């Protein structure tokens, strides 16, 4: 008599003596309706597998794949592109912080010229501009070459410099 631990050391179809191989096999149940298909059987009209499944074994070459031609598969981002995105994303985060600090330093001076109702929407837009630029470049250059994405991100680094922070700084003059 073998134990369950001996069953783990054998493969289905091995010659020899495990309890499961010596036991009579149960017949497969047939569906109740004549036109119904059992869950383990496939019909000739449905030869494709769902996405994420692979056919293995005898006859697996005959099994097709579903038509997913709507969206072609994109290769993953390279290490250099991921590093570039991380560095430029960090610069954009620092730019947003620079716009907050510089804009708060300019607020008393700006209140002499314009009202808060005019200053605050532009202040919020200036703080959000680096994140919006990054998101727009990411979404709009998905199907483009990598150098186009990098060029547009670097263009944003030049255009979105927080000038109030650069000119006045944290302490001011």
N, C-alpha and C. Protein backbone atom coordinates (compact mmCIF):
# COMPACT_ATOMS: atom_id res chain seq x y z
N UNK A 1 0.84 -1.17 0.00
CA UNK A 1 0.00 0.00 0.00
C UNK A 1 0.89 1.24 0.00
N UNK A 2 0.54 2.22 -0.84
CA UNK A 2 1.33 3.44 -0.94
C UNK A 2 0.64 4.56 -0.17
N UNK A 3 1.44 5.52 0.20
CA UNK A 3 0.88 6.67 0.93
C UNK A 3 0.66 7.83 -0.04
N UNK A 4 0.05 8.89 0.47
CA UNK A 4 -0.18 10.07 -0.37
C UNK A 4 1.12 10.73 -0.77
N UNK A 5 2.16 10.61 0.07
CA UNK A 5 3.45 11.20 -0.29
C UNK A 5 4.07 10.46 -1.47
N UNK A 6 3.79 9.17 -1.62
CA UNK A 6 4.28 8.44 -2.78
C UNK A 6 3.54 8.87 -4.04
N UNK A 7 2.30 9.28 -3.91
CA UNK A 7 1.54 9.76 -5.06
C UNK A 7 2.17 11.02 -5.64
N UNK A 8 2.77 11.84 -4.80
CA UNK A 8 3.37 13.08 -5.27
C UNK A 8 4.62 12.82 -6.10
N UNK A 9 5.22 11.65 -6.00
CA UNK A 9 6.45 11.34 -6.72
C UNK A 9 6.20 10.65 -8.05
N UNK A 10 4.96 10.51 -8.45
CA UNK A 10 4.68 9.84 -9.71
C UNK A 10 3.91 10.78 -10.64
N UNK A 11 4.04 10.48 -11.94
CA UNK A 11 3.35 11.25 -12.96
C UNK A 11 2.16 10.44 -13.46
N UNK A 12 1.18 11.16 -13.95
CA UNK A 12 0.03 10.48 -14.53
C UNK A 12 0.50 9.76 -15.79
N UNK A 13 0.29 8.49 -15.86
CA UNK A 13 0.72 7.70 -17.00
C UNK A 13 1.96 6.88 -16.71
N UNK A 14 2.55 7.02 -15.51
CA UNK A 14 3.71 6.19 -15.15
C UNK A 14 3.28 4.74 -15.01
N UNK A 15 4.20 3.87 -15.33
CA UNK A 15 3.96 2.45 -15.08
C UNK A 15 4.22 2.21 -13.61
N UNK A 16 3.38 1.50 -12.97
CA UNK A 16 3.69 1.20 -11.58
C UNK A 16 2.46 1.24 -10.71
N UNK A 17 2.75 1.36 -9.45
CA UNK A 17 1.67 1.13 -8.54
C UNK A 17 1.34 2.26 -7.61
N UNK A 18 0.56 3.16 -8.05
CA UNK A 18 -0.04 4.09 -7.10
C UNK A 18 -1.52 3.74 -7.03
N UNK A 19 -2.12 4.17 -5.95
CA UNK A 19 -3.52 3.84 -5.74
C UNK A 19 -4.41 4.43 -6.82
N UNK A 20 -4.10 5.62 -7.23
CA UNK A 20 -4.96 6.28 -8.21
C UNK A 20 -4.90 5.58 -9.56
N UNK A 21 -3.74 5.05 -9.92
CA UNK A 21 -3.64 4.36 -11.20
C UNK A 21 -4.28 2.98 -11.14
N UNK A 22 -4.29 2.36 -9.98
CA UNK A 22 -4.88 1.04 -9.86
C UNK A 22 -6.39 1.10 -9.74
N UNK A 23 -6.89 2.24 -9.30
CA UNK A 23 -8.33 2.37 -9.15
C UNK A 23 -8.98 2.47 -10.52
N UNK A 24 -10.17 1.92 -10.67
CA UNK A 24 -10.85 2.04 -11.97
C UNK A 24 -11.22 3.49 -12.24
N UNK A 25 -11.07 3.89 -13.48
CA UNK A 25 -11.39 5.27 -13.84
C UNK A 25 -12.89 5.41 -14.01
N UNK A 26 -13.36 6.60 -13.57
CA UNK A 26 -14.79 6.89 -13.69
C UNK A 26 -15.09 7.29 -15.12
N UNK A 27 -16.19 6.85 -15.65
CA UNK A 27 -16.54 7.27 -17.01
C UNK A 27 -16.92 8.75 -17.03
N UNK A 28 -16.60 9.39 -18.12
CA UNK A 28 -16.94 10.81 -18.27
C UNK A 28 -18.43 10.94 -18.51
N UNK A 29 -19.04 11.89 -17.79
CA UNK A 29 -20.48 12.07 -17.95
C UNK A 29 -20.77 12.79 -19.26
N UNK A 30 -21.85 12.38 -19.88
CA UNK A 30 -22.29 13.02 -21.11
C UNK A 30 -23.38 14.02 -20.77
N UNK A 31 -23.53 15.03 -21.57
CA UNK A 31 -24.57 16.03 -21.30
C UNK A 31 -25.96 15.43 -21.45
N UNK A 32 -26.90 16.05 -20.75
CA UNK A 32 -28.27 15.54 -20.77
C UNK A 32 -28.93 15.81 -22.11
N UNK A 33 -28.65 16.96 -22.72
CA UNK A 33 -29.29 17.30 -23.98
C UNK A 33 -28.41 16.80 -25.12
N UNK A 34 -29.01 16.39 -26.22
CA UNK A 34 -28.21 15.87 -27.32
C UNK A 34 -27.33 16.94 -27.98
N UNK A 35 -27.73 18.20 -28.01
CA UNK A 35 -26.95 19.24 -28.68
C UNK A 35 -25.97 19.93 -27.74
N UNK A 36 -26.02 19.64 -26.43
CA UNK A 36 -25.17 20.34 -25.46
C UNK A 36 -23.75 19.79 -25.51
N UNK A 37 -22.82 20.63 -25.11
CA UNK A 37 -21.41 20.26 -25.10
C UNK A 37 -20.95 20.21 -23.65
N UNK A 38 -20.23 19.16 -23.30
CA UNK A 38 -19.71 19.04 -21.95
C UNK A 38 -18.66 20.13 -21.71
N UNK A 39 -18.45 20.56 -20.48
CA UNK A 39 -17.51 21.64 -20.21
C UNK A 39 -16.08 21.31 -20.60
N UNK A 40 -15.72 20.03 -20.66
CA UNK A 40 -14.35 19.67 -20.99
C UNK A 40 -14.14 19.50 -22.48
N UNK A 41 -15.20 19.50 -23.27
CA UNK A 41 -15.08 19.30 -24.71
C UNK A 41 -15.20 20.63 -25.43
N UNK A 42 -14.57 20.72 -26.60
CA UNK A 42 -14.65 21.92 -27.43
C UNK A 42 -15.27 21.52 -28.77
N UNK A 43 -15.96 22.43 -29.35
CA UNK A 43 -16.56 22.16 -30.65
C UNK A 43 -15.65 22.66 -31.75
N UNK A 44 -15.88 22.21 -32.97
CA UNK A 44 -15.08 22.65 -34.10
C UNK A 44 -15.36 24.11 -34.44
N UNK A 45 -16.54 24.60 -34.09
CA UNK A 45 -16.89 25.98 -34.38
C UNK A 45 -16.18 26.95 -33.44
N UNK A 46 -15.66 26.49 -32.30
CA UNK A 46 -15.04 27.35 -31.30
C UNK A 46 -13.60 26.90 -31.04
N UNK A 47 -12.70 27.04 -32.04
CA UNK A 47 -11.35 26.53 -31.85
C UNK A 47 -10.42 27.49 -31.13
N UNK A 48 -10.84 28.71 -30.82
CA UNK A 48 -9.94 29.70 -30.23
C UNK A 48 -10.03 29.69 -28.71
N UNK A 49 -8.89 29.93 -28.08
CA UNK A 49 -8.83 30.04 -26.63
C UNK A 49 -9.04 31.49 -26.23
N UNK A 50 -9.44 31.70 -25.00
CA UNK A 50 -9.55 33.05 -24.48
C UNK A 50 -8.16 33.62 -24.28
N UNK A 51 -8.07 34.94 -24.16
CA UNK A 51 -6.79 35.59 -23.97
C UNK A 51 -6.15 35.15 -22.66
N UNK A 52 -4.86 34.93 -22.67
CA UNK A 52 -4.14 34.52 -21.48
C UNK A 52 -3.99 33.02 -21.32
N UNK A 53 -4.64 32.24 -22.16
CA UNK A 53 -4.57 30.78 -22.07
C UNK A 53 -3.71 30.25 -23.20
N UNK A 54 -2.97 29.18 -22.94
CA UNK A 54 -2.14 28.53 -23.95
C UNK A 54 -2.56 27.08 -24.07
N UNK A 55 -2.68 26.60 -25.29
CA UNK A 55 -3.00 25.21 -25.52
C UNK A 55 -1.69 24.40 -25.50
N UNK A 56 -1.71 23.27 -24.80
CA UNK A 56 -0.54 22.40 -24.74
C UNK A 56 -0.98 20.97 -25.03
N UNK A 57 -0.03 20.15 -25.44
CA UNK A 57 -0.33 18.75 -25.65
C UNK A 57 -0.65 18.44 -27.10
N UNK A 58 -1.18 17.23 -27.30
CA UNK A 58 -1.49 16.76 -28.64
C UNK A 58 -2.64 17.57 -29.22
N UNK A 59 -2.48 18.04 -30.43
CA UNK A 59 -3.53 18.81 -31.11
C UNK A 59 -3.55 20.28 -30.72
N UNK A 60 -2.55 20.75 -29.98
CA UNK A 60 -2.56 22.15 -29.56
C UNK A 60 -2.31 23.11 -30.70
N UNK A 61 -1.68 22.63 -31.78
CA UNK A 61 -1.42 23.51 -32.92
C UNK A 61 -2.71 23.87 -33.64
N UNK A 62 -3.73 23.04 -33.53
CA UNK A 62 -4.99 23.30 -34.21
C UNK A 62 -5.82 24.35 -33.48
N UNK A 63 -5.50 24.60 -32.23
CA UNK A 63 -6.26 25.57 -31.46
C UNK A 63 -5.79 26.96 -31.81
N UNK A 64 -6.70 27.82 -32.19
CA UNK A 64 -6.34 29.17 -32.60
C UNK A 64 -6.36 30.14 -31.44
N UNK A 65 -6.07 31.37 -31.75
CA UNK A 65 -6.11 32.46 -30.79
C UNK A 65 -7.23 33.39 -31.21
N UNK A 66 -7.84 34.08 -30.26
CA UNK A 66 -8.89 35.03 -30.64
C UNK A 66 -8.28 36.19 -31.43
N UNK A 67 -9.10 36.82 -32.22
CA UNK A 67 -8.64 37.94 -33.04
C UNK A 67 -8.53 39.18 -32.18
N UNK A 68 -7.31 39.50 -31.76
CA UNK A 68 -7.04 40.71 -30.97
C UNK A 68 -6.23 41.69 -31.81
N UNK A 69 -6.61 41.86 -33.07
CA UNK A 69 -5.87 42.74 -33.96
C UNK A 69 -6.23 44.20 -33.76
N UNK A 70 -7.21 44.49 -32.88
CA UNK A 70 -7.62 45.86 -32.66
C UNK A 70 -6.48 46.69 -32.08
N UNK A 71 -5.76 46.13 -31.11
CA UNK A 71 -4.68 46.86 -30.45
C UNK A 71 -3.40 46.05 -30.54
N UNK A 72 -2.45 46.49 -31.34
CA UNK A 72 -1.21 45.72 -31.46
C UNK A 72 -0.43 45.76 -30.15
N UNK A 73 0.29 44.70 -29.90
CA UNK A 73 1.04 44.58 -28.67
C UNK A 73 2.27 45.47 -28.74
N UNK A 74 2.45 46.33 -27.72
CA UNK A 74 3.60 47.22 -27.67
C UNK A 74 4.70 46.59 -26.85
N UNK A 75 5.95 46.79 -27.25
CA UNK A 75 7.04 46.27 -26.43
C UNK A 75 7.15 47.10 -25.15
N UNK A 76 7.67 46.51 -24.08
CA UNK A 76 7.81 47.28 -22.84
C UNK A 76 8.87 48.37 -22.99
N UNK A 77 8.80 49.35 -22.08
CA UNK A 77 9.76 50.45 -22.13
C UNK A 77 11.15 49.95 -21.75
N UNK A 78 12.15 50.50 -22.39
CA UNK A 78 13.52 50.11 -22.10
C UNK A 78 13.97 50.74 -20.78
N UNK A 79 15.09 50.27 -20.27
CA UNK A 79 15.62 50.79 -19.01
C UNK A 79 15.98 52.26 -19.14
N UNK A 80 16.59 52.63 -20.26
CA UNK A 80 16.95 54.03 -20.48
C UNK A 80 15.72 54.94 -20.51
N UNK A 81 14.65 54.47 -21.17
CA UNK A 81 13.43 55.27 -21.23
C UNK A 81 12.79 55.39 -19.85
N UNK A 82 12.80 54.31 -19.07
CA UNK A 82 12.24 54.39 -17.72
C UNK A 82 13.04 55.35 -16.85
N UNK A 83 14.36 55.31 -16.96
CA UNK A 83 15.19 56.24 -16.19
C UNK A 83 14.95 57.68 -16.63
N UNK A 84 14.83 57.90 -17.92
CA UNK A 84 14.55 59.25 -18.43
C UNK A 84 13.20 59.75 -17.92
N UNK A 85 12.20 58.91 -17.97
CA UNK A 85 10.88 59.31 -17.48
C UNK A 85 10.91 59.62 -15.99
N UNK A 86 11.66 58.82 -15.23
CA UNK A 86 11.76 59.06 -13.79
C UNK A 86 12.47 60.37 -13.47
N UNK A 87 13.56 60.64 -14.16
CA UNK A 87 14.31 61.87 -13.91
C UNK A 87 13.51 63.09 -14.32
N UNK A 88 12.92 63.05 -15.51
CA UNK A 88 12.14 64.19 -15.99
C UNK A 88 10.88 64.36 -15.13
N UNK A 89 10.27 63.25 -14.70
CA UNK A 89 9.12 63.36 -13.80
C UNK A 89 9.50 63.99 -12.48
N UNK A 90 10.69 63.67 -11.96
CA UNK A 90 11.17 64.30 -10.73
C UNK A 90 11.44 65.78 -10.93
N UNK A 91 11.97 66.15 -12.09
CA UNK A 91 12.19 67.58 -12.39
C UNK A 91 10.85 68.30 -12.45
N UNK A 92 9.86 67.68 -13.06
CA UNK A 92 8.54 68.30 -13.12
C UNK A 92 7.92 68.45 -11.72
N UNK A 93 8.14 67.48 -10.87
CA UNK A 93 7.65 67.60 -9.49
C UNK A 93 8.32 68.76 -8.78
N UNK A 94 9.63 68.90 -8.96
CA UNK A 94 10.34 70.04 -8.37
C UNK A 94 9.86 71.36 -8.98
N UNK A 95 9.52 71.34 -10.25
CA UNK A 95 8.98 72.55 -10.88
C UNK A 95 7.64 72.93 -10.24
N UNK A 96 6.79 71.96 -9.99
CA UNK A 96 5.50 72.27 -9.34
C UNK A 96 5.72 72.87 -7.96
N UNK A 97 6.67 72.32 -7.21
CA UNK A 97 6.98 72.87 -5.89
C UNK A 97 7.56 74.28 -6.05
N UNK A 98 8.40 74.48 -7.06
CA UNK A 98 8.95 75.81 -7.32
C UNK A 98 7.88 76.82 -7.67
N UNK A 99 6.87 76.41 -8.43
CA UNK A 99 5.77 77.32 -8.75
C UNK A 99 4.96 77.67 -7.51
N UNK A 100 4.78 76.72 -6.61
CA UNK A 100 4.05 77.01 -5.36
C UNK A 100 4.83 78.01 -4.53
N UNK A 101 6.11 77.75 -4.31
CA UNK A 101 6.92 78.63 -3.46
C UNK A 101 7.07 80.00 -4.10
N UNK A 102 7.43 80.02 -5.39
CA UNK A 102 7.60 81.31 -6.06
C UNK A 102 6.31 82.09 -6.19
N UNK A 103 5.22 81.40 -6.44
CA UNK A 103 3.93 82.08 -6.56
C UNK A 103 3.45 82.65 -5.23
N UNK A 104 3.73 81.96 -4.14
CA UNK A 104 3.35 82.49 -2.81
C UNK A 104 4.20 83.71 -2.47
N UNK A 105 5.46 83.71 -2.91
CA UNK A 105 6.31 84.87 -2.67
C UNK A 105 5.86 86.07 -3.50
N UNK A 106 5.30 85.84 -4.67
CA UNK A 106 4.84 86.93 -5.53
C UNK A 106 3.43 87.42 -5.20
N UNK A 107 2.70 86.68 -4.41
CA UNK A 107 1.30 87.02 -4.14
C UNK A 107 1.13 88.42 -3.54
N UNK A 108 1.91 88.83 -2.53
CA UNK A 108 1.71 90.20 -2.02
C UNK A 108 1.97 91.27 -3.07
N UNK A 109 2.97 91.06 -3.91
CA UNK A 109 3.26 92.03 -4.96
C UNK A 109 2.16 92.01 -6.03
N UNK A 110 1.66 90.81 -6.34
CA UNK A 110 0.61 90.70 -7.36
C UNK A 110 -0.70 91.30 -6.87
N UNK A 111 -0.96 91.29 -5.55
CA UNK A 111 -2.20 91.86 -5.03
C UNK A 111 -2.26 93.37 -5.21
N UNK A 112 -1.11 94.01 -5.40
CA UNK A 112 -1.11 95.44 -5.69
C UNK A 112 -1.62 95.72 -7.09
N UNK A 113 -1.46 94.74 -7.99
CA UNK A 113 -1.81 94.96 -9.40
C UNK A 113 -3.14 94.30 -9.76
N UNK A 114 -3.34 93.04 -9.34
CA UNK A 114 -4.57 92.31 -9.71
C UNK A 114 -5.23 91.77 -8.45
N UNK A 115 -6.53 91.47 -8.56
CA UNK A 115 -7.28 90.92 -7.44
C UNK A 115 -7.00 89.42 -7.30
N UNK A 116 -7.34 88.88 -6.13
CA UNK A 116 -7.14 87.44 -5.90
C UNK A 116 -7.93 86.59 -6.87
N UNK A 117 -9.09 87.05 -7.29
CA UNK A 117 -9.91 86.29 -8.23
C UNK A 117 -9.21 86.13 -9.58
N UNK A 118 -8.34 87.03 -9.90
CA UNK A 118 -7.60 86.91 -11.15
C UNK A 118 -6.29 86.15 -10.95
N UNK A 119 -5.71 86.26 -9.77
CA UNK A 119 -4.40 85.66 -9.52
C UNK A 119 -4.49 84.16 -9.26
N UNK A 120 -5.47 83.72 -8.48
CA UNK A 120 -5.52 82.33 -8.02
C UNK A 120 -5.73 81.31 -9.15
N UNK A 121 -6.62 81.54 -10.13
CA UNK A 121 -6.74 80.53 -11.20
C UNK A 121 -5.44 80.32 -11.97
N UNK A 122 -4.71 81.40 -12.24
CA UNK A 122 -3.45 81.28 -12.97
C UNK A 122 -2.37 80.65 -12.11
N UNK A 123 -2.43 80.90 -10.83
CA UNK A 123 -1.49 80.28 -9.89
C UNK A 123 -1.70 78.76 -9.87
N UNK A 124 -2.95 78.35 -9.78
CA UNK A 124 -3.26 76.91 -9.77
C UNK A 124 -2.87 76.27 -11.10
N UNK A 125 -3.13 76.95 -12.19
CA UNK A 125 -2.76 76.42 -13.50
C UNK A 125 -1.23 76.33 -13.65
N UNK A 126 -0.51 77.30 -13.11
CA UNK A 126 0.95 77.26 -13.17
C UNK A 126 1.50 76.11 -12.35
N UNK A 127 0.90 75.81 -11.21
CA UNK A 127 1.35 74.68 -10.38
C UNK A 127 1.04 73.36 -11.07
N UNK A 128 -0.09 73.27 -11.75
CA UNK A 128 -0.50 72.02 -12.41
C UNK A 128 0.13 71.84 -13.79
N UNK A 129 0.72 72.88 -14.35
CA UNK A 129 1.25 72.81 -15.72
C UNK A 129 2.30 71.72 -15.92
N UNK A 130 3.28 71.54 -15.03
CA UNK A 130 4.24 70.45 -15.27
C UNK A 130 3.60 69.06 -15.29
N UNK A 131 2.67 68.82 -14.38
CA UNK A 131 1.99 67.51 -14.36
C UNK A 131 1.12 67.34 -15.60
N UNK A 132 0.46 68.39 -16.04
CA UNK A 132 -0.37 68.32 -17.24
C UNK A 132 0.49 68.10 -18.48
N UNK A 133 1.64 68.74 -18.54
CA UNK A 133 2.55 68.54 -19.68
C UNK A 133 3.04 67.10 -19.74
N UNK A 134 3.46 66.58 -18.58
CA UNK A 134 3.94 65.20 -18.52
C UNK A 134 2.85 64.23 -18.96
N UNK A 135 1.64 64.41 -18.46
CA UNK A 135 0.52 63.54 -18.81
C UNK A 135 0.17 63.66 -20.29
N UNK A 136 0.17 64.87 -20.83
CA UNK A 136 -0.16 65.06 -22.24
C UNK A 136 0.89 64.40 -23.13
N UNK A 137 2.16 64.55 -22.80
CA UNK A 137 3.21 63.93 -23.60
C UNK A 137 3.11 62.41 -23.51
N UNK A 138 2.84 61.91 -22.32
CA UNK A 138 2.73 60.45 -22.13
C UNK A 138 1.60 59.87 -22.97
N UNK A 139 0.45 60.51 -22.97
CA UNK A 139 -0.73 59.98 -23.66
C UNK A 139 -0.62 60.19 -25.18
N UNK A 140 -0.16 61.35 -25.59
CA UNK A 140 -0.17 61.68 -27.01
C UNK A 140 0.98 61.07 -27.80
N UNK A 141 2.01 60.58 -27.13
CA UNK A 141 3.14 59.98 -27.85
C UNK A 141 3.23 58.48 -27.63
N UNK A 142 2.14 57.84 -27.32
CA UNK A 142 2.17 56.39 -27.06
C UNK A 142 2.56 55.59 -28.29
N UNK A 143 2.11 56.00 -29.45
CA UNK A 143 2.39 55.24 -30.67
C UNK A 143 3.56 55.82 -31.45
N UNK A 144 4.27 56.76 -30.89
CA UNK A 144 5.39 57.41 -31.57
C UNK A 144 6.72 56.80 -31.14
N UNK A 145 7.76 57.22 -31.79
CA UNK A 145 9.11 56.77 -31.45
C UNK A 145 9.52 57.35 -30.10
N UNK A 146 10.44 56.68 -29.44
CA UNK A 146 10.87 57.11 -28.11
C UNK A 146 11.56 58.46 -28.10
N UNK A 147 12.29 58.78 -29.16
CA UNK A 147 13.01 60.06 -29.19
C UNK A 147 12.05 61.24 -29.25
N UNK A 148 10.87 61.04 -29.82
CA UNK A 148 9.87 62.12 -29.87
C UNK A 148 9.36 62.40 -28.47
N UNK A 149 9.10 61.34 -27.71
CA UNK A 149 8.64 61.51 -26.33
C UNK A 149 9.69 62.22 -25.51
N UNK A 150 10.95 61.81 -25.63
CA UNK A 150 12.03 62.43 -24.86
C UNK A 150 12.20 63.89 -25.27
N UNK A 151 12.13 64.18 -26.57
CA UNK A 151 12.28 65.56 -27.04
C UNK A 151 11.18 66.46 -26.48
N UNK A 152 9.94 65.98 -26.47
CA UNK A 152 8.85 66.79 -25.95
C UNK A 152 8.94 66.97 -24.43
N UNK A 153 9.40 65.93 -23.74
CA UNK A 153 9.59 66.08 -22.29
C UNK A 153 10.69 67.09 -21.98
N UNK A 154 11.77 67.06 -22.75
CA UNK A 154 12.86 68.03 -22.53
C UNK A 154 12.44 69.44 -22.93
N UNK A 155 11.58 69.56 -23.94
CA UNK A 155 11.02 70.86 -24.29
C UNK A 155 10.21 71.42 -23.12
N UNK A 156 9.46 70.55 -22.45
CA UNK A 156 8.71 70.99 -21.28
C UNK A 156 9.61 71.42 -20.14
N UNK A 157 10.77 70.76 -20.00
CA UNK A 157 11.72 71.15 -18.96
C UNK A 157 12.20 72.58 -19.21
N UNK A 158 12.37 72.95 -20.47
CA UNK A 158 12.83 74.30 -20.80
C UNK A 158 11.69 75.31 -20.67
N UNK A 159 10.49 74.95 -21.11
CA UNK A 159 9.39 75.91 -21.13
C UNK A 159 8.74 76.15 -19.77
N UNK A 160 8.77 75.19 -18.90
CA UNK A 160 8.00 75.27 -17.65
C UNK A 160 8.84 75.68 -16.44
N UNK A 161 9.98 76.29 -16.66
CA UNK A 161 10.84 76.71 -15.55
C UNK A 161 10.04 77.65 -14.65
N UNK A 162 10.05 77.44 -13.34
CA UNK A 162 9.31 78.33 -12.42
C UNK A 162 10.05 79.65 -12.24
N UNK A 163 9.81 80.60 -13.14
CA UNK A 163 10.55 81.85 -13.13
C UNK A 163 10.38 82.65 -11.84
N UNK A 164 9.22 82.68 -11.20
CA UNK A 164 9.15 83.41 -9.93
C UNK A 164 10.12 82.85 -8.88
N UNK A 165 10.28 81.57 -8.85
CA UNK A 165 11.21 80.96 -7.89
C UNK A 165 12.66 81.23 -8.30
N UNK A 166 12.94 81.17 -9.60
CA UNK A 166 14.30 81.38 -10.07
C UNK A 166 14.74 82.82 -9.84
N UNK A 167 13.88 83.78 -10.13
CA UNK A 167 14.26 85.18 -10.02
C UNK A 167 14.20 85.71 -8.59
N UNK A 168 13.15 85.37 -7.86
CA UNK A 168 12.98 85.90 -6.50
C UNK A 168 13.57 84.94 -5.49
N UNK A 169 13.41 83.64 -5.71
CA UNK A 169 13.92 82.65 -4.76
C UNK A 169 13.01 82.53 -3.56
N UNK A 170 13.47 81.82 -2.55
CA UNK A 170 12.68 81.61 -1.35
C UNK A 170 12.73 82.82 -0.46
N UNK A 171 13.87 83.42 -0.35
CA UNK A 171 14.04 84.55 0.57
C UNK A 171 13.67 85.87 -0.09
N UNK A 172 13.96 86.01 -1.34
CA UNK A 172 13.65 87.25 -2.05
C UNK A 172 14.79 88.24 -1.90
N UNK A 173 14.71 89.32 -2.67
CA UNK A 173 15.79 90.30 -2.62
C UNK A 173 15.35 91.60 -1.98
